[in-house]
Amino acid sequence: MNRLRSKLTYANVVSTLALFLVLAGGSALAASHLAKNSVGTKQIKNDAITAAKIENGAVTGSKIRVSTLGTVPSAGSASHASSADTSAQASNADSLGGAPASAYARTELEAVHVVGAAGQPAFEHGCGLGGGFGPVGFYKDPFGVVHLQGFLAGCTEGQSAFTLPVGFRPPTTESVIVVDGTSNTTSGLVSVDPNGSVVPFGSKVGSLTSVSFRTN
């Protein structure tokens, strides 16, 4: 015992204590004095970083893979709102001013149906196109009014020059005074019957430009 005491110097005791601290708690001591940038992905255990340990606002949009995200509640609400807006707009379009969309006229005009052209009414009773003038034809405007155009020539008075198809006929006979297309000094009459017959009276060459009427 006396021999052991003779070996216990201050230096021996301090060195032995230091060795014990290194072996028993050195790892904890080292963890509190890590060098800068010394911890990487290999040193971090799986699931070691929880949501509670992430500072608010630390993760920005540029760090997120958008393709991995589902539809968040606000985006779902926005999608429903967009659909609702579209539905509301459609509903408004259908009942503007308390009237359905069909009550409003379209702005474009349909193409002129040229008499004598393929698939269109033919000239009748020797009637034809007045020389030097535009084609004889008809069209319906957005308000459902039928308009005739062009000049007739060589027609037999009181006989149909051509026949309008269904959908372009007046509900009752319409008679309109027209001018002579050659001199503009004499007048004639063009009658349009409910059966579609366009009949000139009193003029060999009659202008149809002033003839218009509502359809049945």
N, C-alpha and C. Protein backbone atom coordinates (compact mmCIF):
# COMPACT_ATOMS: atom_id res chain seq x y z
N MET A 1 0.83 -1.21 0.00
CA MET A 1 0.00 0.00 0.00
C MET A 1 0.85 1.24 0.00
N ASN A 2 1.93 1.16 0.87
CA ASN A 2 2.84 2.30 0.92
C ASN A 2 3.53 2.49 -0.41
N ARG A 3 3.82 1.30 -1.08
CA ARG A 3 4.49 1.40 -2.39
C ARG A 3 3.54 2.06 -3.41
N LEU A 4 2.21 1.76 -3.37
CA LEU A 4 1.24 2.37 -4.29
C LEU A 4 1.12 3.86 -4.06
N ARG A 5 1.08 4.26 -2.80
CA ARG A 5 0.98 5.68 -2.48
C ARG A 5 2.19 6.46 -2.99
N SER A 6 3.30 5.80 -2.97
CA SER A 6 4.52 6.49 -3.44
C SER A 6 4.46 6.75 -4.93
N LYS A 7 3.63 5.99 -5.64
CA LYS A 7 3.50 6.17 -7.10
C LYS A 7 2.42 7.20 -7.46
N LEU A 8 1.50 7.55 -6.53
CA LEU A 8 0.39 8.47 -6.81
C LEU A 8 0.86 9.92 -6.70
N THR A 9 1.40 10.37 -7.74
CA THR A 9 1.79 11.78 -7.77
C THR A 9 0.67 12.60 -8.38
N TYR A 10 0.74 13.92 -8.31
CA TYR A 10 -0.29 14.82 -8.89
C TYR A 10 -0.40 14.62 -10.39
N ALA A 11 0.72 14.46 -11.02
CA ALA A 11 0.73 14.30 -12.49
C ALA A 11 0.05 13.01 -12.90
N ASN A 12 0.31 11.91 -12.10
CA ASN A 12 -0.31 10.63 -12.44
C ASN A 12 -1.83 10.69 -12.29
N VAL A 13 -2.29 11.34 -11.22
CA VAL A 13 -3.73 11.43 -11.00
C VAL A 13 -4.42 12.24 -12.09
N VAL A 14 -3.84 13.35 -12.46
CA VAL A 14 -4.45 14.22 -13.49
C VAL A 14 -4.51 13.52 -14.83
N SER A 15 -3.42 12.82 -15.19
CA SER A 15 -3.39 12.14 -16.49
C SER A 15 -4.40 10.99 -16.53
N THR A 16 -4.53 10.26 -15.40
CA THR A 16 -5.51 9.17 -15.34
C THR A 16 -6.93 9.69 -15.45
N LEU A 17 -7.21 10.80 -14.79
CA LEU A 17 -8.55 11.42 -14.86
C LEU A 17 -8.87 11.89 -16.27
N ALA A 18 -7.91 12.45 -16.93
CA ALA A 18 -8.12 12.93 -18.30
C ALA A 18 -8.43 11.77 -19.24
N LEU A 19 -7.68 10.65 -19.04
CA LEU A 19 -7.93 9.48 -19.87
C LEU A 19 -9.34 8.95 -19.66
N PHE A 20 -9.81 8.96 -18.39
CA PHE A 20 -11.16 8.49 -18.10
C PHE A 20 -12.23 9.37 -18.77
N LEU A 21 -12.01 10.65 -18.74
CA LEU A 21 -12.96 11.58 -19.36
C LEU A 21 -13.02 11.40 -20.87
N VAL A 22 -11.88 11.12 -21.44
CA VAL A 22 -11.85 10.92 -22.89
C VAL A 22 -12.61 9.66 -23.27
N LEU A 23 -12.37 8.58 -22.48
CA LEU A 23 -13.03 7.31 -22.80
C LEU A 23 -14.52 7.33 -22.50
N ALA A 24 -14.91 7.96 -21.40
CA ALA A 24 -16.30 7.92 -20.97
C ALA A 24 -17.16 9.01 -21.61
N GLY A 25 -16.65 10.16 -21.78
CA GLY A 25 -17.49 11.27 -22.28
C GLY A 25 -16.88 12.05 -23.39
N GLY A 26 -15.89 11.50 -24.00
CA GLY A 26 -15.21 12.25 -25.07
C GLY A 26 -16.09 12.52 -26.26
N SER A 27 -16.96 11.55 -26.56
CA SER A 27 -17.82 11.72 -27.73
C SER A 27 -18.79 12.88 -27.52
N ALA A 28 -19.34 13.00 -26.30
CA ALA A 28 -20.25 14.09 -26.00
C ALA A 28 -19.52 15.42 -26.05
N LEU A 29 -18.29 15.43 -25.57
CA LEU A 29 -17.50 16.65 -25.57
C LEU A 29 -17.18 17.08 -26.98
N ALA A 30 -16.86 16.09 -27.81
CA ALA A 30 -16.50 16.41 -29.19
C ALA A 30 -17.70 16.91 -29.96
N ALA A 31 -18.92 16.37 -29.65
CA ALA A 31 -20.11 16.78 -30.37
C ALA A 31 -20.43 18.24 -30.15
N SER A 32 -20.06 18.79 -29.01
CA SER A 32 -20.36 20.19 -28.73
C SER A 32 -19.32 21.12 -29.30
N HIS A 33 -18.28 20.56 -29.92
CA HIS A 33 -17.22 21.38 -30.52
C HIS A 33 -16.92 20.89 -31.93
N LEU A 34 -18.00 20.74 -32.77
CA LEU A 34 -17.81 20.28 -34.14
C LEU A 34 -17.22 21.39 -34.99
N ALA A 35 -16.35 20.98 -35.88
CA ALA A 35 -15.75 21.94 -36.79
C ALA A 35 -16.78 22.40 -37.81
N LYS A 36 -16.62 23.58 -38.36
CA LYS A 36 -17.54 24.15 -39.34
C LYS A 36 -17.59 23.27 -40.58
N ASN A 37 -18.81 23.00 -41.09
CA ASN A 37 -19.03 22.20 -42.30
C ASN A 37 -18.50 20.77 -42.18
N SER A 38 -18.44 20.26 -40.93
CA SER A 38 -17.91 18.90 -40.75
C SER A 38 -19.00 17.84 -40.76
N VAL A 39 -20.32 18.25 -40.71
CA VAL A 39 -21.42 17.30 -40.69
C VAL A 39 -22.08 17.26 -42.08
N GLY A 40 -22.18 16.09 -42.65
CA GLY A 40 -22.80 15.92 -43.97
C GLY A 40 -23.95 14.95 -43.89
N THR A 41 -24.42 14.52 -45.05
CA THR A 41 -25.58 13.61 -45.09
C THR A 41 -25.26 12.26 -44.43
N LYS A 42 -23.99 11.83 -44.49
CA LYS A 42 -23.61 10.56 -43.88
C LYS A 42 -23.71 10.60 -42.37
N GLN A 43 -23.49 11.76 -41.78
CA GLN A 43 -23.52 11.87 -40.31
C GLN A 43 -24.95 12.03 -39.76
N ILE A 44 -25.92 12.33 -40.63
CA ILE A 44 -27.30 12.55 -40.17
C ILE A 44 -28.09 11.26 -40.33
N LYS A 45 -28.68 10.80 -39.26
CA LYS A 45 -29.47 9.58 -39.29
C LYS A 45 -30.79 9.81 -40.03
N ASN A 46 -31.34 8.74 -40.58
CA ASN A 46 -32.65 8.82 -41.21
C ASN A 46 -33.71 9.25 -40.20
N ASP A 47 -34.58 10.14 -40.61
CA ASP A 47 -35.67 10.66 -39.77
C ASP A 47 -35.16 11.44 -38.57
N ALA A 48 -33.90 11.87 -38.61
CA ALA A 48 -33.35 12.61 -37.47
C ALA A 48 -33.86 14.04 -37.46
N ILE A 49 -34.13 14.61 -38.64
CA ILE A 49 -34.60 15.99 -38.71
C ILE A 49 -36.11 15.98 -38.86
N THR A 50 -36.81 16.42 -37.83
CA THR A 50 -38.27 16.45 -37.82
C THR A 50 -38.76 17.85 -38.17
N ALA A 51 -40.09 17.96 -38.43
CA ALA A 51 -40.67 19.25 -38.78
C ALA A 51 -40.48 20.28 -37.67
N ALA A 52 -40.48 19.79 -36.41
CA ALA A 52 -40.34 20.71 -35.28
C ALA A 52 -38.96 21.34 -35.23
N LYS A 53 -37.97 20.65 -35.85
CA LYS A 53 -36.59 21.16 -35.80
C LYS A 53 -36.25 22.06 -36.98
N ILE A 54 -37.20 22.22 -37.92
CA ILE A 54 -36.96 23.09 -39.08
C ILE A 54 -37.48 24.48 -38.76
N GLU A 55 -36.65 25.46 -38.92
CA GLU A 55 -37.02 26.83 -38.61
C GLU A 55 -38.13 27.29 -39.57
N ASN A 56 -39.10 28.02 -39.04
CA ASN A 56 -40.18 28.55 -39.88
C ASN A 56 -39.61 29.42 -41.00
N GLY A 57 -40.05 29.16 -42.22
CA GLY A 57 -39.59 29.94 -43.36
C GLY A 57 -38.24 29.52 -43.90
N ALA A 58 -37.65 28.45 -43.33
CA ALA A 58 -36.33 28.03 -43.78
C ALA A 58 -36.38 27.33 -45.13
N VAL A 59 -37.50 26.65 -45.44
CA VAL A 59 -37.63 25.92 -46.71
C VAL A 59 -38.40 26.80 -47.70
N THR A 60 -37.75 27.17 -48.80
CA THR A 60 -38.36 28.05 -49.79
C THR A 60 -38.89 27.23 -50.97
N GLY A 61 -39.62 27.92 -51.85
CA GLY A 61 -40.21 27.25 -52.99
C GLY A 61 -39.20 26.63 -53.93
N SER A 62 -38.02 27.26 -54.05
CA SER A 62 -37.00 26.74 -54.96
C SER A 62 -36.43 25.41 -54.48
N LYS A 63 -36.64 25.07 -53.21
CA LYS A 63 -36.13 23.82 -52.64
C LYS A 63 -37.15 22.68 -52.70
N ILE A 64 -38.35 22.99 -53.22
CA ILE A 64 -39.43 22.00 -53.22
C ILE A 64 -39.62 21.45 -54.63
N ARG A 65 -39.71 20.12 -54.75
CA ARG A 65 -40.02 19.49 -56.02
C ARG A 65 -41.54 19.50 -56.18
N VAL A 66 -42.03 20.41 -57.04
CA VAL A 66 -43.46 20.64 -57.16
C VAL A 66 -44.21 19.38 -57.59
N SER A 67 -43.57 18.54 -58.40
CA SER A 67 -44.25 17.34 -58.90
C SER A 67 -44.61 16.37 -57.79
N THR A 68 -43.98 16.50 -56.63
CA THR A 68 -44.28 15.60 -55.52
C THR A 68 -45.45 16.08 -54.68
N LEU A 69 -45.95 17.28 -54.95
CA LEU A 69 -47.02 17.85 -54.14
C LEU A 69 -48.38 17.45 -54.69
N GLY A 70 -49.30 17.18 -53.83
CA GLY A 70 -50.68 16.94 -54.25
C GLY A 70 -51.41 18.27 -54.34
N THR A 71 -52.74 18.23 -54.49
CA THR A 71 -53.53 19.44 -54.51
C THR A 71 -53.76 19.91 -53.09
N VAL A 72 -53.21 21.09 -52.79
CA VAL A 72 -53.38 21.62 -51.44
C VAL A 72 -54.79 22.17 -51.31
N PRO A 73 -55.32 22.31 -50.09
CA PRO A 73 -56.71 22.75 -49.91
C PRO A 73 -57.02 24.07 -50.61
N SER A 74 -56.12 25.05 -50.54
CA SER A 74 -56.41 26.34 -51.15
C SER A 74 -56.48 26.22 -52.65
N ALA A 75 -55.62 25.37 -53.24
CA ALA A 75 -55.65 25.19 -54.70
C ALA A 75 -56.94 24.51 -55.11
N GLY A 76 -57.39 23.55 -54.30
CA GLY A 76 -58.66 22.89 -54.60
C GLY A 76 -59.80 23.89 -54.57
N SER A 77 -59.77 24.79 -53.59
CA SER A 77 -60.81 25.81 -53.51
C SER A 77 -60.75 26.73 -54.72
N ALA A 78 -59.52 27.07 -55.14
CA ALA A 78 -59.35 27.93 -56.31
C ALA A 78 -59.90 27.26 -57.56
N SER A 79 -59.66 25.95 -57.68
CA SER A 79 -60.17 25.21 -58.83
C SER A 79 -61.69 25.24 -58.87
N HIS A 80 -62.30 25.02 -57.69
CA HIS A 80 -63.75 25.06 -57.62
C HIS A 80 -64.27 26.47 -57.92
N ALA A 81 -63.54 27.48 -57.43
CA ALA A 81 -63.95 28.86 -57.68
C ALA A 81 -63.89 29.18 -59.16
N SER A 82 -62.84 28.68 -59.84
CA SER A 82 -62.70 28.91 -61.27
C SER A 82 -63.86 28.29 -62.03
N SER A 83 -64.22 27.05 -61.63
CA SER A 83 -65.34 26.37 -62.28
C SER A 83 -66.64 27.13 -62.01
N ALA A 84 -66.77 27.63 -60.80
CA ALA A 84 -67.97 28.38 -60.45
C ALA A 84 -68.06 29.66 -61.25
N ASP A 85 -66.91 30.35 -61.44
CA ASP A 85 -66.90 31.57 -62.24
C ASP A 85 -67.31 31.28 -63.67
N THR A 86 -66.77 30.18 -64.22
CA THR A 86 -67.11 29.82 -65.60
C THR A 86 -68.60 29.53 -65.73
N SER A 87 -69.12 28.79 -64.73
CA SER A 87 -70.54 28.47 -64.74
C SER A 87 -71.39 29.73 -64.62
N ALA A 88 -70.95 30.64 -63.75
CA ALA A 88 -71.70 31.89 -63.56
C ALA A 88 -71.69 32.73 -64.82
N GLN A 89 -70.54 32.78 -65.50
CA GLN A 89 -70.45 33.54 -66.74
C GLN A 89 -71.37 32.96 -67.80
N ALA A 90 -71.39 31.62 -67.89
CA ALA A 90 -72.27 30.97 -68.85
C ALA A 90 -73.73 31.27 -68.52
N SER A 91 -74.04 31.25 -67.23
CA SER A 91 -75.41 31.53 -66.81
C SER A 91 -75.79 32.97 -67.15
N ASN A 92 -74.85 33.89 -66.90
CA ASN A 92 -75.11 35.29 -67.22
C ASN A 92 -75.30 35.47 -68.72
N ALA A 93 -74.48 34.76 -69.51
CA ALA A 93 -74.59 34.87 -70.97
C ALA A 93 -75.93 34.37 -71.46
N ASP A 94 -76.49 33.39 -70.75
CA ASP A 94 -77.78 32.81 -71.15
C ASP A 94 -78.96 33.68 -70.75
N SER A 95 -78.74 34.61 -69.83
CA SER A 95 -79.88 35.39 -69.34
C SER A 95 -79.51 36.87 -69.17
N LEU A 96 -78.79 37.44 -70.12
CA LEU A 96 -78.44 38.86 -70.04
C LEU A 96 -79.70 39.71 -70.09
N GLY A 97 -79.79 40.64 -69.14
CA GLY A 97 -80.96 41.51 -69.11
C GLY A 97 -82.26 40.78 -68.88
N GLY A 98 -82.18 39.58 -68.30
CA GLY A 98 -83.38 38.81 -68.06
C GLY A 98 -83.90 38.08 -69.28
N ALA A 99 -83.12 38.13 -70.39
CA ALA A 99 -83.54 37.44 -71.62
C ALA A 99 -82.52 36.38 -71.99
N PRO A 100 -82.95 35.32 -72.65
CA PRO A 100 -81.99 34.28 -73.07
C PRO A 100 -81.06 34.80 -74.15
N ALA A 101 -79.94 34.10 -74.34
CA ALA A 101 -78.96 34.51 -75.34
C ALA A 101 -79.56 34.55 -76.73
N SER A 102 -80.57 33.70 -77.00
CA SER A 102 -81.19 33.65 -78.32
C SER A 102 -81.94 34.94 -78.65
N ALA A 103 -82.21 35.78 -77.62
CA ALA A 103 -82.92 37.03 -77.88
C ALA A 103 -82.01 38.10 -78.44
N TYR A 104 -80.70 37.85 -78.43
CA TYR A 104 -79.74 38.82 -78.92
C TYR A 104 -79.28 38.44 -80.32
N ALA A 105 -79.15 39.46 -81.17
CA ALA A 105 -78.78 39.22 -82.57
C ALA A 105 -77.29 38.96 -82.70
N ARG A 106 -76.94 38.09 -83.61
CA ARG A 106 -75.55 37.87 -83.96
C ARG A 106 -75.08 39.05 -84.81
N THR A 107 -73.81 39.35 -84.77
CA THR A 107 -73.30 40.52 -85.46
C THR A 107 -72.92 40.23 -86.92
N GLU A 108 -72.59 38.98 -87.25
CA GLU A 108 -72.16 38.69 -88.61
C GLU A 108 -73.35 38.42 -89.52
N LEU A 109 -73.16 38.71 -90.83
CA LEU A 109 -74.19 38.44 -91.83
C LEU A 109 -73.87 37.14 -92.56
N GLU A 110 -74.91 36.41 -92.90
CA GLU A 110 -74.69 35.20 -93.67
C GLU A 110 -74.35 35.57 -95.11
N ALA A 111 -73.76 34.63 -95.82
CA ALA A 111 -73.40 34.87 -97.21
C ALA A 111 -74.66 35.00 -98.07
N VAL A 112 -74.55 35.77 -99.16
CA VAL A 112 -75.69 35.95 -100.07
C VAL A 112 -75.93 34.66 -100.85
N HIS A 113 -77.19 34.26 -100.93
CA HIS A 113 -77.60 33.12 -101.75
C HIS A 113 -77.85 33.65 -103.17
N VAL A 114 -77.01 33.29 -104.09
CA VAL A 114 -77.08 33.83 -105.46
C VAL A 114 -78.03 32.97 -106.30
N VAL A 115 -79.05 33.61 -106.86
CA VAL A 115 -80.02 32.90 -107.69
C VAL A 115 -79.33 32.40 -108.96
N GLY A 116 -79.58 31.14 -109.31
CA GLY A 116 -78.98 30.54 -110.49
C GLY A 116 -77.68 29.82 -110.21
N ALA A 117 -77.11 30.00 -109.00
CA ALA A 117 -75.87 29.31 -108.64
C ALA A 117 -76.19 27.88 -108.23
N ALA A 118 -75.18 27.03 -108.21
CA ALA A 118 -75.38 25.63 -107.84
C ALA A 118 -75.95 25.51 -106.43
N GLY A 119 -77.01 24.73 -106.30
CA GLY A 119 -77.63 24.52 -105.00
C GLY A 119 -78.54 25.64 -104.56
N GLN A 120 -78.75 26.66 -105.41
CA GLN A 120 -79.60 27.79 -105.09
C GLN A 120 -80.81 27.81 -106.04
N PRO A 121 -81.86 28.61 -105.72
CA PRO A 121 -83.03 28.68 -106.61
C PRO A 121 -82.64 29.11 -108.03
N ALA A 122 -83.35 28.59 -109.02
CA ALA A 122 -83.07 28.92 -110.41
C ALA A 122 -84.00 30.04 -110.88
N PHE A 123 -83.59 30.76 -111.93
CA PHE A 123 -84.47 31.75 -112.56
C PHE A 123 -85.63 31.03 -113.25
N GLU A 124 -86.78 31.68 -113.29
CA GLU A 124 -87.98 31.07 -113.88
C GLU A 124 -88.61 32.02 -114.91
N HIS A 125 -89.39 31.46 -115.84
CA HIS A 125 -90.19 32.21 -116.81
C HIS A 125 -89.36 33.23 -117.59
N GLY A 126 -88.18 32.81 -118.05
CA GLY A 126 -87.36 33.66 -118.91
C GLY A 126 -86.63 34.78 -118.19
N CYS A 127 -86.77 34.85 -116.88
CA CYS A 127 -86.13 35.92 -116.12
C CYS A 127 -84.64 35.65 -116.00
N GLY A 128 -83.90 36.72 -115.87
CA GLY A 128 -82.47 36.57 -115.71
C GLY A 128 -81.86 37.79 -115.05
N LEU A 129 -80.55 37.85 -115.11
CA LEU A 129 -79.80 38.93 -114.47
C LEU A 129 -79.75 40.14 -115.36
N GLY A 130 -80.06 41.31 -114.79
CA GLY A 130 -79.96 42.57 -115.53
C GLY A 130 -78.51 42.87 -115.86
N GLY A 131 -78.21 43.19 -117.10
CA GLY A 131 -76.84 43.40 -117.53
C GLY A 131 -76.15 44.54 -116.78
N GLY A 132 -74.89 44.31 -116.44
CA GLY A 132 -74.09 45.35 -115.81
C GLY A 132 -74.33 45.55 -114.33
N PHE A 133 -75.15 44.75 -113.73
CA PHE A 133 -75.45 44.91 -112.31
C PHE A 133 -75.00 43.66 -111.54
N GLY A 134 -75.03 43.79 -110.22
CA GLY A 134 -74.60 42.68 -109.37
C GLY A 134 -75.55 41.51 -109.45
N PRO A 135 -75.17 40.37 -108.89
CA PRO A 135 -75.99 39.16 -108.98
C PRO A 135 -77.30 39.31 -108.22
N VAL A 136 -78.32 38.62 -108.69
CA VAL A 136 -79.59 38.56 -107.99
C VAL A 136 -79.45 37.54 -106.86
N GLY A 137 -79.84 37.94 -105.67
CA GLY A 137 -79.71 37.02 -104.55
C GLY A 137 -80.52 37.46 -103.35
N PHE A 138 -80.35 36.76 -102.25
CA PHE A 138 -81.09 37.06 -101.03
C PHE A 138 -80.28 36.57 -99.83
N TYR A 139 -80.54 37.16 -98.67
CA TYR A 139 -79.89 36.73 -97.42
C TYR A 139 -80.77 37.16 -96.25
N LYS A 140 -80.54 36.57 -95.10
CA LYS A 140 -81.29 36.91 -93.89
C LYS A 140 -80.34 37.55 -92.89
N ASP A 141 -80.75 38.70 -92.34
CA ASP A 141 -79.89 39.36 -91.36
C ASP A 141 -80.10 38.77 -89.96
N PRO A 142 -79.30 39.19 -88.97
CA PRO A 142 -79.42 38.61 -87.62
C PRO A 142 -80.78 38.80 -86.96
N PHE A 143 -81.58 39.73 -87.47
CA PHE A 143 -82.89 39.98 -86.88
C PHE A 143 -84.00 39.17 -87.56
N GLY A 144 -83.63 38.31 -88.50
CA GLY A 144 -84.61 37.47 -89.17
C GLY A 144 -85.29 38.15 -90.34
N VAL A 145 -84.74 39.27 -90.80
CA VAL A 145 -85.31 39.99 -91.94
C VAL A 145 -84.61 39.53 -93.21
N VAL A 146 -85.38 39.17 -94.24
CA VAL A 146 -84.83 38.74 -95.52
C VAL A 146 -84.66 39.96 -96.43
N HIS A 147 -83.51 40.03 -97.08
CA HIS A 147 -83.22 41.14 -98.01
C HIS A 147 -82.94 40.55 -99.39
N LEU A 148 -83.52 41.18 -100.44
CA LEU A 148 -83.23 40.81 -101.82
C LEU A 148 -82.24 41.81 -102.41
N GLN A 149 -81.53 41.42 -103.43
CA GLN A 149 -80.58 42.31 -104.08
C GLN A 149 -80.47 41.98 -105.56
N GLY A 150 -79.89 42.92 -106.33
CA GLY A 150 -79.66 42.72 -107.75
C GLY A 150 -80.79 43.24 -108.61
N PHE A 151 -80.67 43.07 -109.94
CA PHE A 151 -81.65 43.54 -110.91
C PHE A 151 -82.13 42.38 -111.77
N LEU A 152 -83.43 42.38 -112.03
CA LEU A 152 -84.03 41.36 -112.89
C LEU A 152 -84.17 41.89 -114.31
N ALA A 153 -84.04 40.99 -115.28
CA ALA A 153 -84.21 41.39 -116.68
C ALA A 153 -84.92 40.27 -117.44
N GLY A 154 -85.70 40.65 -118.49
CA GLY A 154 -86.34 39.67 -119.35
C GLY A 154 -87.46 38.89 -118.70
N CYS A 155 -87.99 39.38 -117.60
CA CYS A 155 -89.02 38.63 -116.88
C CYS A 155 -90.39 38.77 -117.54
N THR A 156 -91.23 37.78 -117.32
CA THR A 156 -92.63 37.82 -117.77
C THR A 156 -93.45 38.43 -116.65
N GLU A 157 -94.12 39.55 -116.96
CA GLU A 157 -94.87 40.25 -115.92
C GLU A 157 -95.95 39.33 -115.33
N GLY A 158 -96.01 39.33 -114.02
CA GLY A 158 -97.01 38.54 -113.31
C GLY A 158 -96.61 37.10 -113.10
N GLN A 159 -95.41 36.69 -113.58
CA GLN A 159 -94.91 35.33 -113.39
C GLN A 159 -93.69 35.37 -112.45
N SER A 160 -93.51 34.29 -111.72
CA SER A 160 -92.41 34.27 -110.74
C SER A 160 -91.05 34.32 -111.44
N ALA A 161 -90.19 35.18 -110.92
CA ALA A 161 -88.82 35.28 -111.43
C ALA A 161 -87.95 34.18 -110.83
N PHE A 162 -88.20 33.86 -109.58
CA PHE A 162 -87.56 32.74 -108.88
C PHE A 162 -88.35 32.49 -107.61
N THR A 163 -88.07 31.39 -106.94
CA THR A 163 -88.82 31.02 -105.73
C THR A 163 -87.86 30.91 -104.54
N LEU A 164 -88.19 31.63 -103.49
CA LEU A 164 -87.38 31.58 -102.27
C LEU A 164 -87.61 30.26 -101.53
N PRO A 165 -86.58 29.71 -100.92
CA PRO A 165 -86.75 28.46 -100.16
C PRO A 165 -87.45 28.70 -98.83
N VAL A 166 -87.89 27.62 -98.21
CA VAL A 166 -88.51 27.71 -96.88
C VAL A 166 -87.51 28.33 -95.90
N GLY A 167 -88.03 29.19 -95.06
CA GLY A 167 -87.18 29.90 -94.10
C GLY A 167 -86.85 31.30 -94.58
N PHE A 168 -87.13 31.59 -95.86
CA PHE A 168 -86.88 32.91 -96.44
C PHE A 168 -88.16 33.49 -97.06
N ARG A 169 -89.30 33.04 -96.56
CA ARG A 169 -90.59 33.45 -97.12
C ARG A 169 -91.38 34.30 -96.11
N PRO A 170 -92.16 35.29 -96.59
CA PRO A 170 -92.96 36.11 -95.68
C PRO A 170 -94.23 35.37 -95.26
N PRO A 171 -94.78 35.71 -94.09
CA PRO A 171 -96.02 35.06 -93.64
C PRO A 171 -97.22 35.50 -94.48
N THR A 172 -97.19 36.71 -95.05
CA THR A 172 -98.24 37.20 -95.95
C THR A 172 -97.57 37.85 -97.15
N THR A 173 -98.32 38.10 -98.19
CA THR A 173 -97.75 38.69 -99.41
C THR A 173 -97.18 40.08 -99.13
N GLU A 174 -95.95 40.29 -99.58
CA GLU A 174 -95.28 41.58 -99.44
C GLU A 174 -95.11 42.18 -100.84
N SER A 175 -95.55 43.44 -101.03
CA SER A 175 -95.42 44.12 -102.32
C SER A 175 -94.61 45.40 -102.12
N VAL A 176 -93.58 45.56 -102.94
CA VAL A 176 -92.67 46.71 -102.80
C VAL A 176 -92.50 47.38 -104.16
N ILE A 177 -92.61 48.71 -104.19
CA ILE A 177 -92.38 49.47 -105.43
C ILE A 177 -90.89 49.51 -105.71
N VAL A 178 -90.51 49.22 -106.94
CA VAL A 178 -89.09 49.21 -107.35
C VAL A 178 -88.92 50.12 -108.55
N VAL A 179 -87.68 50.46 -108.86
CA VAL A 179 -87.39 51.35 -110.00
C VAL A 179 -86.89 50.53 -111.17
N ASP A 180 -87.05 51.09 -112.37
CA ASP A 180 -86.55 50.49 -113.58
C ASP A 180 -85.02 50.62 -113.57
N GLY A 181 -84.34 49.49 -113.71
CA GLY A 181 -82.89 49.51 -113.59
C GLY A 181 -82.17 50.14 -114.76
N THR A 182 -82.88 50.45 -115.86
CA THR A 182 -82.21 51.03 -117.04
C THR A 182 -82.26 52.54 -117.03
N SER A 183 -83.39 53.11 -116.65
CA SER A 183 -83.52 54.56 -116.72
C SER A 183 -83.71 55.22 -115.36
N ASN A 184 -84.13 54.44 -114.36
CA ASN A 184 -84.43 54.95 -113.02
C ASN A 184 -85.55 56.01 -113.04
N THR A 185 -86.29 56.05 -114.15
CA THR A 185 -87.37 57.04 -114.26
C THR A 185 -88.75 56.40 -114.18
N THR A 186 -88.81 55.11 -114.41
CA THR A 186 -90.09 54.41 -114.31
C THR A 186 -90.05 53.46 -113.12
N SER A 187 -91.21 53.10 -112.64
CA SER A 187 -91.28 52.23 -111.47
C SER A 187 -92.10 50.99 -111.78
N GLY A 188 -91.87 50.00 -111.00
CA GLY A 188 -92.63 48.77 -111.13
C GLY A 188 -92.96 48.25 -109.74
N LEU A 189 -93.37 47.03 -109.66
CA LEU A 189 -93.77 46.43 -108.38
C LEU A 189 -93.23 45.01 -108.32
N VAL A 190 -92.72 44.65 -107.19
CA VAL A 190 -92.27 43.28 -106.95
C VAL A 190 -93.08 42.73 -105.79
N SER A 191 -93.69 41.58 -106.02
CA SER A 191 -94.50 40.94 -104.99
C SER A 191 -93.82 39.65 -104.55
N VAL A 192 -93.79 39.43 -103.24
CA VAL A 192 -93.22 38.20 -102.69
C VAL A 192 -94.34 37.48 -101.94
N ASP A 193 -94.67 36.29 -102.39
CA ASP A 193 -95.79 35.55 -101.82
C ASP A 193 -95.34 34.58 -100.71
N PRO A 194 -96.28 34.15 -99.85
CA PRO A 194 -95.94 33.19 -98.79
C PRO A 194 -95.38 31.87 -99.31
N ASN A 195 -95.65 31.54 -100.59
CA ASN A 195 -95.10 30.31 -101.15
C ASN A 195 -93.67 30.50 -101.68
N GLY A 196 -93.14 31.75 -101.54
CA GLY A 196 -91.77 32.03 -101.95
C GLY A 196 -91.61 32.63 -103.31
N SER A 197 -92.69 32.75 -104.09
CA SER A 197 -92.60 33.30 -105.45
C SER A 197 -92.27 34.79 -105.41
N VAL A 198 -91.24 35.19 -106.17
CA VAL A 198 -90.88 36.59 -106.33
C VAL A 198 -91.38 37.00 -107.72
N VAL A 199 -92.41 37.89 -107.74
CA VAL A 199 -93.12 38.18 -108.99
C VAL A 199 -92.99 39.67 -109.33
N PRO A 200 -92.41 39.99 -110.52
CA PRO A 200 -92.32 41.40 -110.94
C PRO A 200 -93.58 41.84 -111.71
N PHE A 201 -93.94 43.14 -111.55
CA PHE A 201 -95.07 43.73 -112.27
C PHE A 201 -94.65 45.09 -112.82
N GLY A 202 -95.04 45.36 -114.07
CA GLY A 202 -94.92 46.70 -114.62
C GLY A 202 -93.53 47.15 -114.97
N SER A 203 -92.55 46.30 -114.94
CA SER A 203 -91.20 46.72 -115.31
C SER A 203 -90.44 45.52 -115.83
N LYS A 204 -89.78 45.71 -116.95
CA LYS A 204 -89.01 44.61 -117.51
C LYS A 204 -87.70 44.41 -116.74
N VAL A 205 -87.14 45.48 -116.24
CA VAL A 205 -85.90 45.39 -115.46
C VAL A 205 -86.19 46.02 -114.11
N GLY A 206 -86.25 45.21 -113.08
CA GLY A 206 -86.62 45.74 -111.77
C GLY A 206 -85.51 45.58 -110.75
N SER A 207 -85.29 46.61 -109.95
CA SER A 207 -84.31 46.55 -108.87
C SER A 207 -84.92 45.87 -107.66
N LEU A 208 -84.20 44.95 -107.10
CA LEU A 208 -84.70 44.22 -105.92
C LEU A 208 -84.08 44.74 -104.63
N THR A 209 -83.22 45.73 -104.72
CA THR A 209 -82.44 46.17 -103.56
C THR A 209 -83.31 46.69 -102.43
N SER A 210 -84.45 47.26 -102.75
CA SER A 210 -85.31 47.83 -101.71
C SER A 210 -86.28 46.82 -101.12
N VAL A 211 -86.26 45.59 -101.58
CA VAL A 211 -87.22 44.58 -101.12
C VAL A 211 -86.68 43.86 -99.87
N SER A 212 -87.39 43.98 -98.78
CA SER A 212 -87.03 43.26 -97.54
C SER A 212 -88.29 42.99 -96.75
N PHE A 213 -88.29 41.96 -95.93
CA PHE A 213 -89.47 41.56 -95.17
C PHE A 213 -89.08 40.58 -94.07
N ARG A 214 -89.96 40.48 -93.09
CA ARG A 214 -89.76 39.50 -92.01
C ARG A 214 -90.20 38.12 -92.49
N THR A 215 -89.58 37.10 -91.95
CA THR A 215 -89.92 35.73 -92.35
C THR A 215 -91.03 35.20 -91.46
N ASN A 216 -91.62 34.07 -91.91
CA ASN A 216 -92.67 33.43 -91.14
C ASN A 216 -92.07 32.56 -90.04
